[in-house]
Amino acid sequence: MAEPSDELKAAAAEVGLNKLEGRHWDELQAALDMKVKHTSGMPDDLTIWDEPAHVYRAGDEA
């Protein structure tokens, strides 16, 4: 990546990534792109309490 965009720099600063260099900017951009891909179908109004609780129970033999 030649020069990271201001938007990418702002996203890095939000999470305390203040010393990124070189390929790290590319890696951050790839991670943010994947985040968008994986969350694009989710409702915008979810809270932490809306996380699905997956419960696994051991069988009688356990």
PDB file of N, CA and C in Angstrom:
ATOM      1  N   MET A   1       0.864  -1.169   0.000  1.00  0.00           N
ATOM      2  CA  MET A   1       0.000   0.000   0.000  1.00  0.00           C
ATOM      3  C   MET A   1       0.909   1.230   0.000  1.00  0.00           C
ATOM      4  N   ALA A   2       0.636   2.123  -0.909  1.00  0.00           N
ATOM      5  CA  ALA A   2       1.456   3.325  -1.024  1.00  0.00           C
ATOM      6  C   ALA A   2       1.272   4.223   0.192  1.00  0.00           C
ATOM      7  N   GLU A   3       0.103   4.723   0.384  1.00  0.00           N
ATOM      8  CA  GLU A   3      -0.205   5.611   1.515  1.00  0.00           C
ATOM      9  C   GLU A   3      -1.610   5.281   1.993  1.00  0.00           C
ATOM     10  N   PRO A   4      -1.767   4.935   3.278  1.00  0.00           N
ATOM     11  CA  PRO A   4      -3.103   4.603   3.780  1.00  0.00           C
ATOM     12  C   PRO A   4      -4.021   5.828   3.752  1.00  0.00           C
ATOM     13  N   SER A   5      -5.285   5.570   3.510  1.00  0.00           N
ATOM     14  CA  SER A   5      -6.265   6.661   3.478  1.00  0.00           C
ATOM     15  C   SER A   5      -6.474   7.209   4.887  1.00  0.00           C
ATOM     16  N   ASP A   6      -7.037   8.398   4.949  1.00  0.00           N
ATOM     17  CA  ASP A   6      -7.342   9.009   6.251  1.00  0.00           C
ATOM     18  C   ASP A   6      -8.349   8.166   7.015  1.00  0.00           C
ATOM     19  N   GLU A   7      -9.280   7.543   6.280  1.00  0.00           N
ATOM     20  CA  GLU A   7     -10.287   6.685   6.911  1.00  0.00           C
ATOM     21  C   GLU A   7      -9.627   5.476   7.570  1.00  0.00           C
ATOM     22  N   LEU A   8      -8.652   4.877   6.877  1.00  0.00           N
ATOM     23  CA  LEU A   8      -7.951   3.717   7.427  1.00  0.00           C
ATOM     24  C   LEU A   8      -7.101   4.130   8.627  1.00  0.00           C
ATOM     25  N   LYS A   9      -6.459   5.281   8.543  1.00  0.00           N
ATOM     26  CA  LYS A   9      -5.673   5.781   9.674  1.00  0.00           C
ATOM     27  C   LYS A   9      -6.570   6.030  10.885  1.00  0.00           C
ATOM     28  N   ALA A  10      -7.762   6.561  10.652  1.00  0.00           N
ATOM     29  CA  ALA A  10      -8.697   6.821  11.739  1.00  0.00           C
ATOM     30  C   ALA A  10      -9.161   5.510  12.379  1.00  0.00           C
ATOM     31  N   ALA A  11      -9.439   4.501  11.549  1.00  0.00           N
ATOM     32  CA  ALA A  11      -9.867   3.201  12.078  1.00  0.00           C
ATOM     33  C   ALA A  11      -8.759   2.585  12.929  1.00  0.00           C
ATOM     34  N   ALA A  12      -7.512   2.726  12.498  1.00  0.00           N
ATOM     35  CA  ALA A  12      -6.385   2.205  13.270  1.00  0.00           C
ATOM     36  C   ALA A  12      -6.242   2.953  14.588  1.00  0.00           C
ATOM     37  N   ALA A  13      -6.370   4.259  14.552  1.00  0.00           N
ATOM     38  CA  ALA A  13      -6.220   5.065  15.759  1.00  0.00           C
ATOM     39  C   ALA A  13      -7.315   4.762  16.778  1.00  0.00           C
ATOM     40  N   GLU A  14      -8.516   4.431  16.307  1.00  0.00           N
ATOM     41  CA  GLU A  14      -9.635   4.114  17.208  1.00  0.00           C
ATOM     42  C   GLU A  14      -9.316   2.962  18.136  1.00  0.00           C
ATOM     43  N   VAL A  15      -8.520   2.017  17.642  1.00  0.00           N
ATOM     44  CA  VAL A  15      -8.191   0.833  18.447  1.00  0.00           C
ATOM     45  C   VAL A  15      -6.747   0.844  18.935  1.00  0.00           C
ATOM     46  N   GLY A  16      -6.103   1.997  18.854  1.00  0.00           N
ATOM     47  CA  GLY A  16      -4.763   2.143  19.414  1.00  0.00           C
ATOM     48  C   GLY A  16      -3.626   1.639  18.547  1.00  0.00           C
ATOM     49  N   LEU A  17      -3.872   1.437  17.263  1.00  0.00           N
ATOM     50  CA  LEU A  17      -2.807   0.988  16.357  1.00  0.00           C
ATOM     51  C   LEU A  17      -2.121   2.211  15.765  1.00  0.00           C
ATOM     52  N   ASN A  18      -1.200   2.773  16.520  1.00  0.00           N
ATOM     53  CA  ASN A  18      -0.578   4.029  16.134  1.00  0.00           C
ATOM     54  C   ASN A  18       0.787   3.868  15.476  1.00  0.00           C
ATOM     55  N   LYS A  19       1.294   2.642  15.386  1.00  0.00           N
ATOM     56  CA  LYS A  19       2.641   2.443  14.850  1.00  0.00           C
ATOM     57  C   LYS A  19       2.659   1.506  13.647  1.00  0.00           C
ATOM     58  N   LEU A  20       1.597   1.473  12.873  1.00  0.00           N
ATOM     59  CA  LEU A  20       1.548   0.592  11.716  1.00  0.00           C
ATOM     60  C   LEU A  20       2.472   1.093  10.615  1.00  0.00           C
ATOM     61  N   GLU A  21       3.095   0.149   9.916  1.00  0.00           N
ATOM     62  CA  GLU A  21       3.987   0.480   8.807  1.00  0.00           C
ATOM     63  C   GLU A  21       3.810  -0.546   7.697  1.00  0.00           C
ATOM     64  N   GLY A  22       4.165  -0.144   6.496  1.00  0.00           N
ATOM     65  CA  GLY A  22       4.242  -1.053   5.361  1.00  0.00           C
ATOM     66  C   GLY A  22       3.037  -1.947   5.174  1.00  0.00           C
ATOM     67  N   ARG A  23       3.320  -3.252   5.157  1.00  0.00           N
ATOM     68  CA  ARG A  23       2.260  -4.228   4.856  1.00  0.00           C
ATOM     69  C   ARG A  23       1.194  -4.309   5.932  1.00  0.00           C
ATOM     70  N   HIS A  24       1.462  -3.771   7.117  1.00  0.00           N
ATOM     71  CA  HIS A  24       0.451  -3.803   8.180  1.00  0.00           C
ATOM     72  C   HIS A  24      -0.805  -3.045   7.774  1.00  0.00           C
ATOM     73  N   TRP A  25      -0.635  -1.990   6.987  1.00  0.00           N
ATOM     74  CA  TRP A  25      -1.805  -1.248   6.507  1.00  0.00           C
ATOM     75  C   TRP A  25      -2.647  -2.126   5.597  1.00  0.00           C
ATOM     76  N   ASP A  26      -1.982  -2.926   4.753  1.00  0.00           N
ATOM     77  CA  ASP A  26      -2.703  -3.849   3.871  1.00  0.00           C
ATOM     78  C   ASP A  26      -3.452  -4.898   4.687  1.00  0.00           C
ATOM     79  N   GLU A  27      -2.795  -5.396   5.731  1.00  0.00           N
ATOM     80  CA  GLU A  27      -3.419  -6.410   6.580  1.00  0.00           C
ATOM     81  C   GLU A  27      -4.626  -5.842   7.324  1.00  0.00           C
ATOM     82  N   LEU A  28      -4.503  -4.616   7.800  1.00  0.00           N
ATOM     83  CA  LEU A  28      -5.632  -3.979   8.478  1.00  0.00           C
ATOM     84  C   LEU A  28      -6.783  -3.773   7.508  1.00  0.00           C
ATOM     85  N   GLN A  29      -6.488  -3.332   6.302  1.00  0.00           N
ATOM     86  CA  GLN A  29      -7.548  -3.131   5.309  1.00  0.00           C
ATOM     87  C   GLN A  29      -8.235  -4.449   4.979  1.00  0.00           C
ATOM     88  N   ALA A  30      -7.461  -5.526   4.836  1.00  0.00           N
ATOM     89  CA  ALA A  30      -8.043  -6.840   4.560  1.00  0.00           C
ATOM     90  C   ALA A  30      -8.938  -7.293   5.712  1.00  0.00           C
ATOM     91  N   ALA A  31      -8.507  -7.050   6.950  1.00  0.00           N
ATOM     92  CA  ALA A  31      -9.304  -7.430   8.118  1.00  0.00           C
ATOM     93  C   ALA A  31     -10.608  -6.644   8.168  1.00  0.00           C
ATOM     94  N   LEU A  32     -10.543  -5.358   7.878  1.00  0.00           N
ATOM     95  CA  LEU A  32     -11.762  -4.542   7.885  1.00  0.00           C
ATOM     96  C   LEU A  32     -12.706  -4.949   6.758  1.00  0.00           C
ATOM     97  N   ASP A  33     -12.151  -5.314   5.608  1.00  0.00           N
ATOM     98  CA  ASP A  33     -12.986  -5.798   4.503  1.00  0.00           C
ATOM     99  C   ASP A  33     -13.702  -7.089   4.889  1.00  0.00           C
ATOM    100  N   MET A  34     -13.006  -7.996   5.578  1.00  0.00           N
ATOM    101  CA  MET A  34     -13.620  -9.247   6.028  1.00  0.00           C
ATOM    102  C   MET A  34     -14.696  -8.972   7.068  1.00  0.00           C
ATOM    103  N   LYS A  35     -14.451  -8.004   7.931  1.00  0.00           N
ATOM    104  CA  LYS A  35     -15.454  -7.636   8.936  1.00  0.00           C
ATOM    105  C   LYS A  35     -16.743  -7.202   8.245  1.00  0.00           C
ATOM    106  N   VAL A  36     -16.615  -6.377   7.236  1.00  0.00           N
ATOM    107  CA  VAL A  36     -17.793  -5.919   6.490  1.00  0.00           C
ATOM    108  C   VAL A  36     -18.487  -7.099   5.829  1.00  0.00           C
ATOM    109  N   LYS A  37     -17.703  -7.997   5.237  1.00  0.00           N
ATOM    110  CA  LYS A  37     -18.279  -9.161   4.562  1.00  0.00           C
ATOM    111  C   LYS A  37     -19.076 -10.038   5.536  1.00  0.00           C
ATOM    112  N   HIS A  38     -18.517 -10.241   6.725  1.00  0.00           N
ATOM    113  CA  HIS A  38     -19.154 -11.147   7.685  1.00  0.00           C
ATOM    114  C   HIS A  38     -20.295 -10.503   8.461  1.00  0.00           C
ATOM    115  N   THR A  39     -20.353  -9.203   8.523  1.00  0.00           N
ATOM    116  CA  THR A  39     -21.395  -8.544   9.312  1.00  0.00           C
ATOM    117  C   THR A  39     -22.426  -7.809   8.464  1.00  0.00           C
ATOM    118  N   SER A  40     -22.283  -7.827   7.157  1.00  0.00           N
ATOM    119  CA  SER A  40     -23.175  -7.033   6.309  1.00  0.00           C
ATOM    120  C   SER A  40     -24.634  -7.487   6.373  1.00  0.00           C
ATOM    121  N   GLY A  41     -24.898  -8.737   6.670  1.00  0.00           N
ATOM    122  CA  GLY A  41     -26.269  -9.211   6.721  1.00  0.00           C
ATOM    123  C   GLY A  41     -26.916  -9.127   8.089  1.00  0.00           C
ATOM    124  N   MET A  42     -26.173  -8.632   9.060  1.00  0.00           N
ATOM    125  CA  MET A  42     -26.697  -8.567  10.426  1.00  0.00           C
ATOM    126  C   MET A  42     -27.503  -7.286  10.640  1.00  0.00           C
ATOM    127  N   PRO A  43     -28.516  -7.341  11.487  1.00  0.00           N
ATOM    128  CA  PRO A  43     -29.255  -6.127  11.813  1.00  0.00           C
ATOM    129  C   PRO A  43     -28.351  -5.109  12.508  1.00  0.00           C
ATOM    130  N   ASP A  44     -28.626  -3.838  12.306  1.00  0.00           N
ATOM    131  CA  ASP A  44     -27.802  -2.782  12.889  1.00  0.00           C
ATOM    132  C   ASP A  44     -28.117  -2.506  14.353  1.00  0.00           C
ATOM    133  N   ASP A  45     -29.246  -2.981  14.839  1.00  0.00           N
ATOM    134  CA  ASP A  45     -29.653  -2.630  16.195  1.00  0.00           C
ATOM    135  C   ASP A  45     -29.350  -3.711  17.237  1.00  0.00           C
ATOM    136  N   LEU A  46     -28.409  -4.595  16.960  1.00  0.00           N
ATOM    137  CA  LEU A  46     -28.060  -5.635  17.925  1.00  0.00           C
ATOM    138  C   LEU A  46     -27.250  -5.053  19.076  1.00  0.00           C
ATOM    139  N   THR A  47     -27.453  -5.606  20.251  1.00  0.00           N
ATOM    140  CA  THR A  47     -26.652  -5.220  21.412  1.00  0.00           C
ATOM    141  C   THR A  47     -25.869  -6.441  21.863  1.00  0.00           C
ATOM    142  N   ILE A  48     -25.028  -6.267  22.855  1.00  0.00           N
ATOM    143  CA  ILE A  48     -24.255  -7.391  23.380  1.00  0.00           C
ATOM    144  C   ILE A  48     -25.176  -8.476  23.942  1.00  0.00           C
ATOM    145  N   TRP A  49     -26.343  -8.090  24.373  1.00  0.00           N
ATOM    146  CA  TRP A  49     -27.274  -9.051  24.967  1.00  0.00           C
ATOM    147  C   TRP A  49     -27.991  -9.884  23.917  1.00  0.00           C
ATOM    148  N   ASP A  50     -27.851  -9.537  22.653  1.00  0.00           N
ATOM    149  CA  ASP A  50     -28.489 -10.294  21.578  1.00  0.00           C
ATOM    150  C   ASP A  50     -27.624 -11.428  21.050  1.00  0.00           C
ATOM    151  N   GLU A  51     -26.453 -11.618  21.636  1.00  0.00           N
ATOM    152  CA  GLU A  51     -25.572 -12.682  21.184  1.00  0.00           C
ATOM    153  C   GLU A  51     -26.241 -14.035  21.444  1.00  0.00           C
ATOM    154  N   PRO A  52     -26.247 -14.917  20.460  1.00  0.00           N
ATOM    155  CA  PRO A  52     -26.871 -16.224  20.674  1.00  0.00           C
ATOM    156  C   PRO A  52     -26.077 -17.047  21.686  1.00  0.00           C
ATOM    157  N   ALA A  53     -26.782 -17.694  22.562  1.00  0.00           N
ATOM    158  CA  ALA A  53     -26.135 -18.553  23.546  1.00  0.00           C
ATOM    159  C   ALA A  53     -26.246 -19.995  23.065  1.00  0.00           C
ATOM    160  N   HIS A  54     -25.122 -20.569  22.724  1.00  0.00           N
ATOM    161  CA  HIS A  54     -25.101 -21.956  22.274  1.00  0.00           C
ATOM    162  C   HIS A  54     -24.800 -22.833  23.485  1.00  0.00           C
ATOM    163  N   VAL A  55     -25.691 -23.733  23.771  1.00  0.00           N
ATOM    164  CA  VAL A  55     -25.527 -24.582  24.937  1.00  0.00           C
ATOM    165  C   VAL A  55     -25.324 -26.018  24.466  1.00  0.00           C
ATOM    166  N   TYR A  56     -24.236 -26.618  24.936  1.00  0.00           N
ATOM    167  CA  TYR A  56     -23.944 -28.000  24.607  1.00  0.00           C
ATOM    168  C   TYR A  56     -24.038 -28.826  25.860  1.00  0.00           C
ATOM    169  N   ARG A  57     -24.710 -29.926  25.760  1.00  0.00           N
ATOM    170  CA  ARG A  57     -24.865 -30.793  26.916  1.00  0.00           C
ATOM    171  C   ARG A  57     -24.234 -32.153  26.626  1.00  0.00           C
ATOM    172  N   ALA A  58     -23.519 -32.646  27.599  1.00  0.00           N
ATOM    173  CA  ALA A  58     -22.915 -33.967  27.466  1.00  0.00           C
ATOM    174  C   ALA A  58     -24.001 -35.022  27.573  1.00  0.00           C
ATOM    175  N   GLY A  59     -23.809 -36.104  26.891  1.00  0.00           N
ATOM    176  CA  GLY A  59     -24.775 -37.197  26.962  1.00  0.00           C
ATOM    177  C   GLY A  59     -24.682 -37.925  28.299  1.00  0.00           C
ATOM    178  N   ASP A  60     -25.566 -38.887  28.511  1.00  0.00           N
ATOM    179  CA  ASP A  60     -25.608 -39.632  29.765  1.00  0.00           C
ATOM    180  C   ASP A  60     -24.315 -40.407  30.022  1.00  0.00           C
ATOM    181  N   GLU A  61     -23.610 -40.758  28.948  1.00  0.00           N
ATOM    182  CA  GLU A  61     -22.393 -41.554  29.102  1.00  0.00           C
ATOM    183  C   GLU A  61     -21.236 -40.725  29.647  1.00  0.00           C
ATOM    184  N   ALA A  62     -21.307 -39.435  29.574  1.00  0.00           N
ATOM    185  CA  ALA A  62     -20.188 -38.597  30.016  1.00  0.00           C
ATOM    186  C   ALA A  62     -20.088 -38.573  31.470  1.00  0.00           C
TER     187      ALA A  62
END
